[in-house]
């Protein structure tokens, strides 16, 4: 497949998917760890990595873009003041996905998503 859209649809509408990843990324940046399905974790990785790269840029434009995407100033403040300096020496790979267990109700594979120390 050449030139098609990237990312998984996850059986959600575009607005639902955006809202879901906004919430998951906010939770991950705030708590630095969360448990979600493996498929969502793999998609969340790219969203969070782009945000941390924005934080490392540190400019006013980058801060405004992060606020526009996240809509939570406390999380954006943490992103720019705590997380960006922590990852200043890294070129990427800010998250780690660890397979956790299967959910009993539907046997979906759950994973833990963590920010790398």
PDB file of N, CA and C in Angstrom:
ATOM      1  N   UNK A   1       0.855  -1.178   0.000  1.00  0.00           N
ATOM      2  CA  UNK A   1       0.000   0.000   0.000  1.00  0.00           C
ATOM      3  C   UNK A   1       0.895   1.233   0.000  1.00  0.00           C
ATOM      4  N   UNK A   2       0.821   1.984  -1.025  1.00  0.00           N
ATOM      5  CA  UNK A   2       1.676   3.159  -1.150  1.00  0.00           C
ATOM      6  C   UNK A   2       0.857   4.435  -1.006  1.00  0.00           C
ATOM      7  N   UNK A   3       1.337   5.342  -0.179  1.00  0.00           N
ATOM      8  CA  UNK A   3       0.728   6.653  -0.062  1.00  0.00           C
ATOM      9  C   UNK A   3      -0.555   6.714   0.747  1.00  0.00           C
ATOM     10  N   UNK A   4      -0.920   5.650   1.427  1.00  0.00           N
ATOM     11  CA  UNK A   4      -2.146   5.638   2.206  1.00  0.00           C
ATOM     12  C   UNK A   4      -1.964   6.319   3.551  1.00  0.00           C
ATOM     13  N   UNK A   5      -3.046   6.472   4.293  1.00  0.00           N
ATOM     14  CA  UNK A   5      -2.950   7.087   5.618  1.00  0.00           C
ATOM     15  C   UNK A   5      -2.197   6.183   6.594  1.00  0.00           C
ATOM     16  N   UNK A   6      -1.558   6.806   7.553  1.00  0.00           N
ATOM     17  CA  UNK A   6      -0.821   6.038   8.550  1.00  0.00           C
ATOM     18  C   UNK A   6      -1.657   5.877   9.802  1.00  0.00           C
ATOM     19  N   UNK A   7      -1.341   4.879  10.587  1.00  0.00           N
ATOM     20  CA  UNK A   7      -2.028   4.669  11.853  1.00  0.00           C
ATOM     21  C   UNK A   7      -3.181   3.693  11.726  1.00  0.00           C
ATOM     22  N   UNK A   8      -3.574   3.180  12.869  1.00  0.00           N
ATOM     23  CA  UNK A   8      -4.673   2.216  12.931  1.00  0.00           C
ATOM     24  C   UNK A   8      -5.977   2.944  13.207  1.00  0.00           C
ATOM     25  N   UNK A   9      -7.062   2.427  12.697  1.00  0.00           N
ATOM     26  CA  UNK A   9      -8.363   3.060  12.910  1.00  0.00           C
ATOM     27  C   UNK A   9      -8.989   2.661  14.235  1.00  0.00           C
ATOM     28  N   UNK A  10      -8.704   1.470  14.709  1.00  0.00           N
ATOM     29  CA  UNK A  10      -9.190   0.980  16.003  1.00  0.00           C
ATOM     30  C   UNK A  10     -10.714   0.955  16.115  1.00  0.00           C
ATOM     31  N   UNK A  11     -11.408   0.843  14.990  1.00  0.00           N
ATOM     32  CA  UNK A  11     -12.880   0.805  14.960  1.00  0.00           C
ATOM     33  C   UNK A  11     -13.504   2.019  15.636  1.00  0.00           C
ATOM     34  N   UNK A  12     -12.869   3.171  15.470  1.00  0.00           N
ATOM     35  CA  UNK A  12     -13.363   4.421  16.064  1.00  0.00           C
ATOM     36  C   UNK A  12     -13.460   5.481  14.968  1.00  0.00           C
ATOM     37  N   UNK A  13     -14.317   6.464  15.197  1.00  0.00           N
ATOM     38  CA  UNK A  13     -14.362   7.600  14.286  1.00  0.00           C
ATOM     39  C   UNK A  13     -13.125   8.458  14.527  1.00  0.00           C
ATOM     40  N   UNK A  14     -12.854   9.351  13.605  1.00  0.00           N
ATOM     41  CA  UNK A  14     -11.671  10.201  13.719  1.00  0.00           C
ATOM     42  C   UNK A  14     -11.707  11.042  14.988  1.00  0.00           C
ATOM     43  N   UNK A  15     -12.851  11.646  15.284  1.00  0.00           N
ATOM     44  CA  UNK A  15     -12.945  12.503  16.468  1.00  0.00           C
ATOM     45  C   UNK A  15     -12.791  11.682  17.747  1.00  0.00           C
ATOM     46  N   UNK A  16     -13.366  10.472  17.764  1.00  0.00           N
ATOM     47  CA  UNK A  16     -13.237   9.615  18.945  1.00  0.00           C
ATOM     48  C   UNK A  16     -11.778   9.198  19.145  1.00  0.00           C
ATOM     49  N   UNK A  17     -11.113   8.843  18.051  1.00  0.00           N
ATOM     50  CA  UNK A  17      -9.717   8.424  18.117  1.00  0.00           C
ATOM     51  C   UNK A  17      -8.829   9.565  18.609  1.00  0.00           C
ATOM     52  N   UNK A  18      -9.040  10.767  18.091  1.00  0.00           N
ATOM     53  CA  UNK A  18      -8.250  11.933  18.537  1.00  0.00           C
ATOM     54  C   UNK A  18      -8.467  12.206  20.017  1.00  0.00           C
ATOM     55  N   UNK A  19      -9.716  12.173  20.455  1.00  0.00           N
ATOM     56  CA  UNK A  19     -10.020  12.416  21.867  1.00  0.00           C
ATOM     57  C   UNK A  19      -9.412  11.337  22.755  1.00  0.00           C
ATOM     58  N   UNK A  20      -9.477  10.095  22.298  1.00  0.00           N
ATOM     59  CA  UNK A  20      -8.929   8.984  23.077  1.00  0.00           C
ATOM     60  C   UNK A  20      -7.420   9.133  23.237  1.00  0.00           C
ATOM     61  N   UNK A  21      -6.710   9.453  22.149  1.00  0.00           N
ATOM     62  CA  UNK A  21      -5.265   9.596  22.244  1.00  0.00           C
ATOM     63  C   UNK A  21      -4.865  10.867  22.983  1.00  0.00           C
ATOM     64  N   UNK A  22      -5.705  11.910  22.943  1.00  0.00           N
ATOM     65  CA  UNK A  22      -5.438  13.100  23.736  1.00  0.00           C
ATOM     66  C   UNK A  22      -5.504  12.740  25.226  1.00  0.00           C
ATOM     67  N   UNK A  23      -6.516  11.976  25.596  1.00  0.00           N
ATOM     68  CA  UNK A  23      -6.668  11.573  26.988  1.00  0.00           C
ATOM     69  C   UNK A  23      -5.549  10.627  27.421  1.00  0.00           C
ATOM     70  N   UNK A  24      -5.241   9.623  26.596  1.00  0.00           N
ATOM     71  CA  UNK A  24      -4.189   8.669  26.950  1.00  0.00           C
ATOM     72  C   UNK A  24      -2.819   9.342  27.050  1.00  0.00           C
ATOM     73  N   UNK A  25      -2.514  10.237  26.125  1.00  0.00           N
ATOM     74  CA  UNK A  25      -1.215  10.913  26.174  1.00  0.00           C
ATOM     75  C   UNK A  25      -1.132  11.843  27.382  1.00  0.00           C
ATOM     76  N   UNK A  26      -2.227  12.507  27.716  1.00  0.00           N
ATOM     77  CA  UNK A  26      -2.247  13.365  28.909  1.00  0.00           C
ATOM     78  C   UNK A  26      -1.990  12.533  30.160  1.00  0.00           C
ATOM     79  N   UNK A  27      -2.635  11.368  30.236  1.00  0.00           N
ATOM     80  CA  UNK A  27      -2.461  10.493  31.389  1.00  0.00           C
ATOM     81  C   UNK A  27      -1.033   9.961  31.463  1.00  0.00           C
ATOM     82  N   UNK A  28      -0.469   9.576  30.322  1.00  0.00           N
ATOM     83  CA  UNK A  28       0.894   9.053  30.316  1.00  0.00           C
ATOM     84  C   UNK A  28       1.906  10.127  30.706  1.00  0.00           C
ATOM     85  N   UNK A  29       1.747  11.335  30.192  1.00  0.00           N
ATOM     86  CA  UNK A  29       2.691  12.403  30.533  1.00  0.00           C
ATOM     87  C   UNK A  29       2.551  12.827  31.991  1.00  0.00           C
ATOM     88  N   UNK A  30       1.346  12.753  32.515  1.00  0.00           N
ATOM     89  CA  UNK A  30       1.117  13.146  33.912  1.00  0.00           C
ATOM     90  C   UNK A  30       1.627  12.080  34.881  1.00  0.00           C
ATOM     91  N   UNK A  31       1.251  10.808  34.652  1.00  0.00           N
ATOM     92  CA  UNK A  31       1.588   9.741  35.592  1.00  0.00           C
ATOM     93  C   UNK A  31       2.854   8.979  35.207  1.00  0.00           C
ATOM     94  N   UNK A  32       3.317   9.149  33.983  1.00  0.00           N
ATOM     95  CA  UNK A  32       4.512   8.523  33.436  1.00  0.00           C
ATOM     96  C   UNK A  32       4.385   7.012  33.274  1.00  0.00           C
ATOM     97  N   UNK A  33       3.190   6.460  33.428  1.00  0.00           N
ATOM     98  CA  UNK A  33       2.952   5.041  33.212  1.00  0.00           C
ATOM     99  C   UNK A  33       1.446   4.815  33.119  1.00  0.00           C
ATOM    100  N   UNK A  34       1.025   3.880  32.261  1.00  0.00           N
ATOM    101  CA  UNK A  34      -0.389   3.534  32.192  1.00  0.00           C
ATOM    102  C   UNK A  34      -0.535   2.147  31.585  1.00  0.00           C
ATOM    103  N   UNK A  35      -1.706   1.542  31.809  1.00  0.00           N
ATOM    104  CA  UNK A  35      -2.020   0.231  31.256  1.00  0.00           C
ATOM    105  C   UNK A  35      -3.136   0.411  30.240  1.00  0.00           C
ATOM    106  N   UNK A  36      -2.913  -0.101  29.029  1.00  0.00           N
ATOM    107  CA  UNK A  36      -3.908  -0.035  27.967  1.00  0.00           C
ATOM    108  C   UNK A  36      -3.710  -1.239  27.055  1.00  0.00           C
ATOM    109  N   UNK A  37      -4.569  -1.383  26.058  1.00  0.00           N
ATOM    110  CA  UNK A  37      -4.414  -2.516  25.146  1.00  0.00           C
ATOM    111  C   UNK A  37      -3.139  -2.345  24.320  1.00  0.00           C
ATOM    112  N   UNK A  38      -2.616  -3.439  23.843  1.00  0.00           N
ATOM    113  CA  UNK A  38      -1.352  -3.422  23.119  1.00  0.00           C
ATOM    114  C   UNK A  38      -1.444  -2.580  21.843  1.00  0.00           C
ATOM    115  N   UNK A  39      -2.545  -2.670  21.134  1.00  0.00           N
ATOM    116  CA  UNK A  39      -2.708  -1.914  19.895  1.00  0.00           C
ATOM    117  C   UNK A  39      -2.736  -0.414  20.159  1.00  0.00           C
ATOM    118  N   UNK A  40      -3.474  -0.001  21.190  1.00  0.00           N
ATOM    119  CA  UNK A  40      -3.516   1.419  21.544  1.00  0.00           C
ATOM    120  C   UNK A  40      -2.152   1.892  22.022  1.00  0.00           C
ATOM    121  N   UNK A  41      -1.438   1.043  22.734  1.00  0.00           N
ATOM    122  CA  UNK A  41      -0.104   1.409  23.224  1.00  0.00           C
ATOM    123  C   UNK A  41       0.846   1.687  22.068  1.00  0.00           C
ATOM    124  N   UNK A  42       0.780   0.872  21.030  1.00  0.00           N
ATOM    125  CA  UNK A  42       1.662   1.063  19.881  1.00  0.00           C
ATOM    126  C   UNK A  42       1.355   2.359  19.147  1.00  0.00           C
ATOM    127  N   UNK A  43       0.096   2.732  19.061  1.00  0.00           N
ATOM    128  CA  UNK A  43      -0.264   3.996  18.426  1.00  0.00           C
ATOM    129  C   UNK A  43       0.054   5.186  19.335  1.00  0.00           C
ATOM    130  N   UNK A  44      -0.146   5.000  20.631  1.00  0.00           N
ATOM    131  CA  UNK A  44       0.128   6.073  21.596  1.00  0.00           C
ATOM    132  C   UNK A  44       1.599   6.456  21.594  1.00  0.00           C
ATOM    133  N   UNK A  45       2.465   5.478  21.356  1.00  0.00           N
ATOM    134  CA  UNK A  45       3.905   5.734  21.339  1.00  0.00           C
ATOM    135  C   UNK A  45       4.257   6.869  20.376  1.00  0.00           C
ATOM    136  N   UNK A  46       3.712   6.846  19.171  1.00  0.00           N
ATOM    137  CA  UNK A  46       4.064   7.876  18.194  1.00  0.00           C
ATOM    138  C   UNK A  46       3.538   9.246  18.601  1.00  0.00           C
ATOM    139  N   UNK A  47       2.358   9.291  19.219  1.00  0.00           N
ATOM    140  CA  UNK A  47       1.785  10.564  19.668  1.00  0.00           C
ATOM    141  C   UNK A  47       2.666  11.180  20.749  1.00  0.00           C
ATOM    142  N   UNK A  48       3.058  10.381  21.736  1.00  0.00           N
ATOM    143  CA  UNK A  48       3.841  10.883  22.872  1.00  0.00           C
ATOM    144  C   UNK A  48       5.261  11.253  22.434  1.00  0.00           C
ATOM    145  N   UNK A  49       5.840  10.478  21.537  1.00  0.00           N
ATOM    146  CA  UNK A  49       7.200  10.780  21.082  1.00  0.00           C
ATOM    147  C   UNK A  49       7.231  12.118  20.357  1.00  0.00           C
ATOM    148  N   UNK A  50       6.209  12.414  19.558  1.00  0.00           N
ATOM    149  CA  UNK A  50       6.150  13.721  18.881  1.00  0.00           C
ATOM    150  C   UNK A  50       6.014  14.851  19.889  1.00  0.00           C
ATOM    151  N   UNK A  51       5.213  14.641  20.939  1.00  0.00           N
ATOM    152  CA  UNK A  51       5.042  15.682  21.955  1.00  0.00           C
ATOM    153  C   UNK A  51       6.349  15.942  22.714  1.00  0.00           C
ATOM    154  N   UNK A  52       7.066  14.901  23.066  1.00  0.00           N
ATOM    155  CA  UNK A  52       8.324  15.084  23.796  1.00  0.00           C
ATOM    156  C   UNK A  52       9.349  15.779  22.914  1.00  0.00           C
ATOM    157  N   UNK A  53       9.345  15.470  21.625  1.00  0.00           N
ATOM    158  CA  UNK A  53      10.240  16.163  20.702  1.00  0.00           C
ATOM    159  C   UNK A  53       9.884  17.644  20.631  1.00  0.00           C
ATOM    160  N   UNK A  54       8.592  17.977  20.661  1.00  0.00           N
ATOM    161  CA  UNK A  54       8.177  19.385  20.729  1.00  0.00           C
ATOM    162  C   UNK A  54       8.701  20.026  22.011  1.00  0.00           C
ATOM    163  N   UNK A  55       8.605  19.297  23.122  1.00  0.00           N
ATOM    164  CA  UNK A  55       9.083  19.811  24.402  1.00  0.00           C
ATOM    165  C   UNK A  55      10.569  20.077  24.389  1.00  0.00           C
ATOM    166  N   UNK A  56      11.325  19.226  23.711  1.00  0.00           N
ATOM    167  CA  UNK A  56      12.771  19.408  23.629  1.00  0.00           C
ATOM    168  C   UNK A  56      13.129  20.632  22.798  1.00  0.00           C
ATOM    169  N   UNK A  57      12.267  20.996  21.848  1.00  0.00           N
ATOM    170  CA  UNK A  57      12.504  22.191  21.039  1.00  0.00           C
ATOM    171  C   UNK A  57      12.496  23.429  21.934  1.00  0.00           C
ATOM    172  N   UNK A  58      11.514  23.520  22.839  1.00  0.00           N
ATOM    173  CA  UNK A  58      11.497  24.546  23.865  1.00  0.00           C
ATOM    174  C   UNK A  58      11.105  25.938  23.420  1.00  0.00           C
ATOM    175  N   UNK A  59      10.769  26.149  22.157  1.00  0.00           N
ATOM    176  CA  UNK A  59      10.408  27.489  21.707  1.00  0.00           C
ATOM    177  C   UNK A  59       8.960  27.808  22.068  1.00  0.00           C
ATOM    178  N   UNK A  60       8.615  29.066  21.947  1.00  0.00           N
ATOM    179  CA  UNK A  60       7.250  29.500  22.228  1.00  0.00           C
ATOM    180  C   UNK A  60       6.268  28.866  21.245  1.00  0.00           C
ATOM    181  N   UNK A  61       6.680  28.755  19.984  1.00  0.00           N
ATOM    182  CA  UNK A  61       5.826  28.131  18.975  1.00  0.00           C
ATOM    183  C   UNK A  61       5.560  26.670  19.337  1.00  0.00           C
ATOM    184  N   UNK A  62       6.590  25.954  19.784  1.00  0.00           N
ATOM    185  CA  UNK A  62       6.427  24.558  20.176  1.00  0.00           C
ATOM    186  C   UNK A  62       5.494  24.439  21.373  1.00  0.00           C
ATOM    187  N   UNK A  63       5.619  25.354  22.331  1.00  0.00           N
ATOM    188  CA  UNK A  63       4.741  25.337  23.506  1.00  0.00           C
ATOM    189  C   UNK A  63       3.290  25.570  23.099  1.00  0.00           C
ATOM    190  N   UNK A  64       3.061  26.507  22.191  1.00  0.00           N
ATOM    191  CA  UNK A  64       1.695  26.783  21.738  1.00  0.00           C
ATOM    192  C   UNK A  64       1.112  25.600  20.969  1.00  0.00           C
ATOM    193  N   UNK A  65       1.936  24.933  20.166  1.00  0.00           N
ATOM    194  CA  UNK A  65       1.467  23.751  19.440  1.00  0.00           C
ATOM    195  C   UNK A  65       1.100  22.641  20.418  1.00  0.00           C
ATOM    196  N   UNK A  66       1.904  22.460  21.459  1.00  0.00           N
ATOM    197  CA  UNK A  66       1.620  21.421  22.455  1.00  0.00           C
ATOM    198  C   UNK A  66       0.326  21.733  23.215  1.00  0.00           C
ATOM    199  N   UNK A  67       0.114  22.990  23.555  1.00  0.00           N
ATOM    200  CA  UNK A  67      -1.118  23.374  24.254  1.00  0.00           C
ATOM    201  C   UNK A  67      -2.319  23.173  23.333  1.00  0.00           C
ATOM    202  N   UNK A  68      -2.166  23.481  22.052  1.00  0.00           N
ATOM    203  CA  UNK A  68      -3.269  23.295  21.102  1.00  0.00           C
ATOM    204  C   UNK A  68      -3.631  21.822  20.976  1.00  0.00           C
ATOM    205  N   UNK A  69      -2.639  20.952  21.017  1.00  0.00           N
ATOM    206  CA  UNK A  69      -2.896  19.523  20.881  1.00  0.00           C
ATOM    207  C   UNK A  69      -3.420  18.947  22.192  1.00  0.00           C
ATOM    208  N   UNK A  70      -2.814  19.279  23.315  1.00  0.00           N
ATOM    209  CA  UNK A  70      -3.156  18.653  24.593  1.00  0.00           C
ATOM    210  C   UNK A  70      -4.267  19.359  25.346  1.00  0.00           C
ATOM    211  N   UNK A  71      -4.398  20.662  25.232  1.00  0.00           N
ATOM    212  CA  UNK A  71      -5.425  21.440  25.903  1.00  0.00           C
ATOM    213  C   UNK A  71      -5.364  21.302  27.423  1.00  0.00           C
ATOM    214  N   UNK A  72      -4.186  21.083  27.966  1.00  0.00           N
ATOM    215  CA  UNK A  72      -4.010  20.985  29.407  1.00  0.00           C
ATOM    216  C   UNK A  72      -2.675  21.639  29.757  1.00  0.00           C
ATOM    217  N   UNK A  73      -2.736  22.841  30.287  1.00  0.00           N
ATOM    218  CA  UNK A  73      -1.511  23.610  30.509  1.00  0.00           C
ATOM    219  C   UNK A  73      -0.613  22.994  31.571  1.00  0.00           C
ATOM    220  N   UNK A  74      -1.172  22.317  32.558  1.00  0.00           N
ATOM    221  CA  UNK A  74      -0.346  21.703  33.601  1.00  0.00           C
ATOM    222  C   UNK A  74       0.525  20.586  33.019  1.00  0.00           C
ATOM    223  N   UNK A  75      -0.048  19.784  32.141  1.00  0.00           N
ATOM    224  CA  UNK A  75       0.718  18.705  31.518  1.00  0.00           C
ATOM    225  C   UNK A  75       1.767  19.269  30.571  1.00  0.00           C
ATOM    226  N   UNK A  76       1.415  20.331  29.831  1.00  0.00           N
ATOM    227  CA  UNK A  76       2.383  20.958  28.924  1.00  0.00           C
ATOM    228  C   UNK A  76       3.520  21.589  29.727  1.00  0.00           C
ATOM    229  N   UNK A  77       3.206  22.174  30.862  1.00  0.00           N
ATOM    230  CA  UNK A  77       4.249  22.747  31.718  1.00  0.00           C
ATOM    231  C   UNK A  77       5.206  21.657  32.190  1.00  0.00           C
ATOM    232  N   UNK A  78       4.654  20.513  32.603  1.00  0.00           N
ATOM    233  CA  UNK A  78       5.502  19.394  33.026  1.00  0.00           C
ATOM    234  C   UNK A  78       6.331  18.880  31.853  1.00  0.00           C
ATOM    235  N   UNK A  79       5.721  18.838  30.683  1.00  0.00           N
ATOM    236  CA  UNK A  79       6.429  18.378  29.488  1.00  0.00           C
ATOM    237  C   UNK A  79       7.652  19.244  29.208  1.00  0.00           C
ATOM    238  N   UNK A  80       7.510  20.554  29.308  1.00  0.00           N
ATOM    239  CA  UNK A  80       8.604  21.457  28.970  1.00  0.00           C
ATOM    240  C   UNK A  80       9.610  21.640  30.096  1.00  0.00           C
ATOM    241  N   UNK A  81       9.178  21.546  31.352  1.00  0.00           N
ATOM    242  CA  UNK A  81      10.106  21.819  32.465  1.00  0.00           C
ATOM    243  C   UNK A  81      10.736  20.569  33.065  1.00  0.00           C
ATOM    244  N   UNK A  82      10.026  19.439  33.054  1.00  0.00           N
ATOM    245  CA  UNK A  82      10.537  18.221  33.691  1.00  0.00           C
ATOM    246  C   UNK A  82      10.978  17.181  32.665  1.00  0.00           C
ATOM    247  N   UNK A  83      10.084  16.860  31.738  1.00  0.00           N
ATOM    248  CA  UNK A  83      10.350  15.748  30.826  1.00  0.00           C
ATOM    249  C   UNK A  83      11.358  16.100  29.728  1.00  0.00           C
ATOM    250  N   UNK A  84      11.242  17.280  29.142  1.00  0.00           N
ATOM    251  CA  UNK A  84      12.164  17.653  28.056  1.00  0.00           C
ATOM    252  C   UNK A  84      13.621  17.679  28.519  1.00  0.00           C
ATOM    253  N   UNK A  85      13.948  18.269  29.681  1.00  0.00           N
ATOM    254  CA  UNK A  85      15.347  18.206  30.129  1.00  0.00           C
ATOM    255  C   UNK A  85      15.813  16.779  30.433  1.00  0.00           C
ATOM    256  N   UNK A  86      14.902  15.921  30.895  1.00  0.00           N
ATOM    257  CA  UNK A  86      15.266  14.541  31.187  1.00  0.00           C
ATOM    258  C   UNK A  86      15.697  13.803  29.915  1.00  0.00           C
ATOM    259  N   UNK A  87      15.042  14.112  28.794  1.00  0.00           N
ATOM    260  CA  UNK A  87      15.331  13.424  27.544  1.00  0.00           C
ATOM    261  C   UNK A  87      16.212  14.246  26.604  1.00  0.00           C
ATOM    262  N   UNK A  88      16.886  15.252  27.124  1.00  0.00           N
ATOM    263  CA  UNK A  88      17.692  16.139  26.272  1.00  0.00           C
ATOM    264  C   UNK A  88      18.787  15.382  25.534  1.00  0.00           C
ATOM    265  N   UNK A  89      19.373  14.375  26.158  1.00  0.00           N
ATOM    266  CA  UNK A  89      20.458  13.641  25.528  1.00  0.00           C
ATOM    267  C   UNK A  89      20.011  12.491  24.641  1.00  0.00           C
ATOM    268  N   UNK A  90      18.701  12.227  24.571  1.00  0.00           N
ATOM    269  CA  UNK A  90      18.186  11.106  23.767  1.00  0.00           C
ATOM    270  C   UNK A  90      17.691  11.604  22.426  1.00  0.00           C
ATOM    271  N   UNK A  91      17.897  10.792  21.404  1.00  0.00           N
ATOM    272  CA  UNK A  91      17.425  11.136  20.064  1.00  0.00           C
ATOM    273  C   UNK A  91      16.036  10.570  19.773  1.00  0.00           C
ATOM    274  N   UNK A  92      15.517   9.743  20.639  1.00  0.00           N
ATOM    275  CA  UNK A  92      14.208   9.134  20.438  1.00  0.00           C
ATOM    276  C   UNK A  92      14.060   7.971  21.387  1.00  0.00           C
ATOM    277  N   UNK A  93      12.970   7.235  21.248  1.00  0.00           N
ATOM    278  CA  UNK A  93      12.748   6.087  22.116  1.00  0.00           C
ATOM    279  C   UNK A  93      12.474   6.485  23.546  1.00  0.00           C
ATOM    280  N   UNK A  94      11.525   7.392  23.731  1.00  0.00           N
ATOM    281  CA  UNK A  94      11.220   7.907  25.070  1.00  0.00           C
ATOM    282  C   UNK A  94      10.254   7.015  25.837  1.00  0.00           C
ATOM    283  N   UNK A  95       9.612   6.067  25.144  1.00  0.00           N
ATOM    284  CA  UNK A  95       8.629   5.203  25.796  1.00  0.00           C
ATOM    285  C   UNK A  95       9.043   3.749  25.697  1.00  0.00           C
ATOM    286  N   UNK A  96       8.526   2.963  26.611  1.00  0.00           N
ATOM    287  CA  UNK A  96       8.750   1.510  26.609  1.00  0.00           C
ATOM    288  C   UNK A  96       7.394   0.836  26.758  1.00  0.00           C
ATOM    289  N   UNK A  97       7.154  -0.182  25.942  1.00  0.00           N
ATOM    290  CA  UNK A  97       5.912  -0.951  26.008  1.00  0.00           C
ATOM    291  C   UNK A  97       6.252  -2.342  26.521  1.00  0.00           C
ATOM    292  N   UNK A  98       5.621  -2.733  27.632  1.00  0.00           N
ATOM    293  CA  UNK A  98       5.859  -4.040  28.258  1.00  0.00           C
ATOM    294  C   UNK A  98       4.547  -4.814  28.214  1.00  0.00           C
ATOM    295  N   UNK A  99       4.576  -6.002  27.645  1.00  0.00           N
ATOM    296  CA  UNK A  99       3.389  -6.847  27.612  1.00  0.00           C
ATOM    297  C   UNK A  99       3.031  -7.226  29.051  1.00  0.00           C
ATOM    298  N   UNK A 100       1.741  -7.100  29.400  1.00  0.00           N
ATOM    299  CA  UNK A 100       1.338  -7.276  30.788  1.00  0.00           C
ATOM    300  C   UNK A 100       0.561  -8.579  31.000  1.00  0.00           C
ATOM    301  N   UNK A 101      -0.644  -8.675  30.471  1.00  0.00           N
ATOM    302  CA  UNK A 101      -1.468  -9.870  30.627  1.00  0.00           C
ATOM    303  C   UNK A 101      -2.642  -9.773  29.662  1.00  0.00           C
ATOM    304  N   UNK A 102      -3.471 -10.797  29.658  1.00  0.00           N
ATOM    305  CA  UNK A 102      -4.698 -10.765  28.864  1.00  0.00           C
ATOM    306  C   UNK A 102      -5.861 -10.336  29.751  1.00  0.00           C
ATOM    307  N   UNK A 103      -6.713  -9.483  29.217  1.00  0.00           N
ATOM    308  CA  UNK A 103      -7.886  -9.041  29.956  1.00  0.00           C
ATOM    309  C   UNK A 103      -8.882 -10.192  30.020  1.00  0.00           C
ATOM    310  N   UNK A 104      -9.395 -10.522  31.199  1.00  0.00           N
ATOM    311  CA  UNK A 104     -10.273 -11.686  31.336  1.00  0.00           C
ATOM    312  C   UNK A 104     -11.565 -11.592  30.511  1.00  0.00           C
ATOM    313  N   UNK A 105     -12.140 -10.414  30.378  1.00  0.00           N
ATOM    314  CA  UNK A 105     -13.439 -10.301  29.729  1.00  0.00           C
ATOM    315  C   UNK A 105     -13.404 -10.602  28.237  1.00  0.00           C
ATOM    316  N   UNK A 106     -12.391 -10.087  27.526  1.00  0.00           N
ATOM    317  CA  UNK A 106     -12.357 -10.291  26.077  1.00  0.00           C
ATOM    318  C   UNK A 106     -11.017 -10.818  25.574  1.00  0.00           C
ATOM    319  N   UNK A 107     -10.130 -11.174  26.480  1.00  0.00           N
ATOM    320  CA  UNK A 107      -8.822 -11.743  26.152  1.00  0.00           C
ATOM    321  C   UNK A 107      -7.939 -10.796  25.342  1.00  0.00           C
ATOM    322  N   UNK A 108      -8.182  -9.484  25.460  1.00  0.00           N
ATOM    323  CA  UNK A 108      -7.327  -8.505  24.779  1.00  0.00           C
ATOM    324  C   UNK A 108      -5.988  -8.422  25.510  1.00  0.00           C
ATOM    325  N   UNK A 109      -4.917  -8.325  24.744  1.00  0.00           N
ATOM    326  CA  UNK A 109      -3.586  -8.232  25.326  1.00  0.00           C
ATOM    327  C   UNK A 109      -3.383  -6.826  25.895  1.00  0.00           C
ATOM    328  N   UNK A 110      -3.104  -6.740  27.184  1.00  0.00           N
ATOM    329  CA  UNK A 110      -2.839  -5.463  27.841  1.00  0.00           C
ATOM    330  C   UNK A 110      -1.349  -5.228  27.936  1.00  0.00           C
ATOM    331  N   UNK A 111      -0.950  -3.979  27.841  1.00  0.00           N
ATOM    332  CA  UNK A 111       0.445  -3.602  27.922  1.00  0.00           C
ATOM    333  C   UNK A 111       0.607  -2.422  28.858  1.00  0.00           C
ATOM    334  N   UNK A 112       1.782  -2.325  29.455  1.00  0.00           N
ATOM    335  CA  UNK A 112       2.136  -1.173  30.275  1.00  0.00           C
ATOM    336  C   UNK A 112       2.991  -0.263  29.412  1.00  0.00           C
ATOM    337  N   UNK A 113       2.614   0.998  29.352  1.00  0.00           N
ATOM    338  CA  UNK A 113       3.394   1.996  28.614  1.00  0.00           C
ATOM    339  C   UNK A 113       4.047   2.878  29.654  1.00  0.00           C
ATOM    340  N   UNK A 114       5.374   3.010  29.577  1.00  0.00           N
ATOM    341  CA  UNK A 114       6.126   3.818  30.541  1.00  0.00           C
ATOM    342  C   UNK A 114       7.069   4.745  29.817  1.00  0.00           C
ATOM    343  N   UNK A 115       7.345   5.867  30.450  1.00  0.00           N
ATOM    344  CA  UNK A 115       8.396   6.736  29.950  1.00  0.00           C
ATOM    345  C   UNK A 115       9.720   6.162  30.432  1.00  0.00           C
ATOM    346  N   UNK A 116      10.726   6.167  29.576  1.00  0.00           N
ATOM    347  CA  UNK A 116      12.030   5.630  29.893  1.00  0.00           C
ATOM    348  C   UNK A 116      12.702   6.541  30.909  1.00  0.00           C
ATOM    349  N   UNK A 117      13.417   5.957  31.854  1.00  0.00           N
ATOM    350  CA  UNK A 117      14.108   6.762  32.873  1.00  0.00           C
ATOM    351  C   UNK A 117      15.347   7.402  32.322  1.00  0.00           C
TER     352      UNK A 117
END
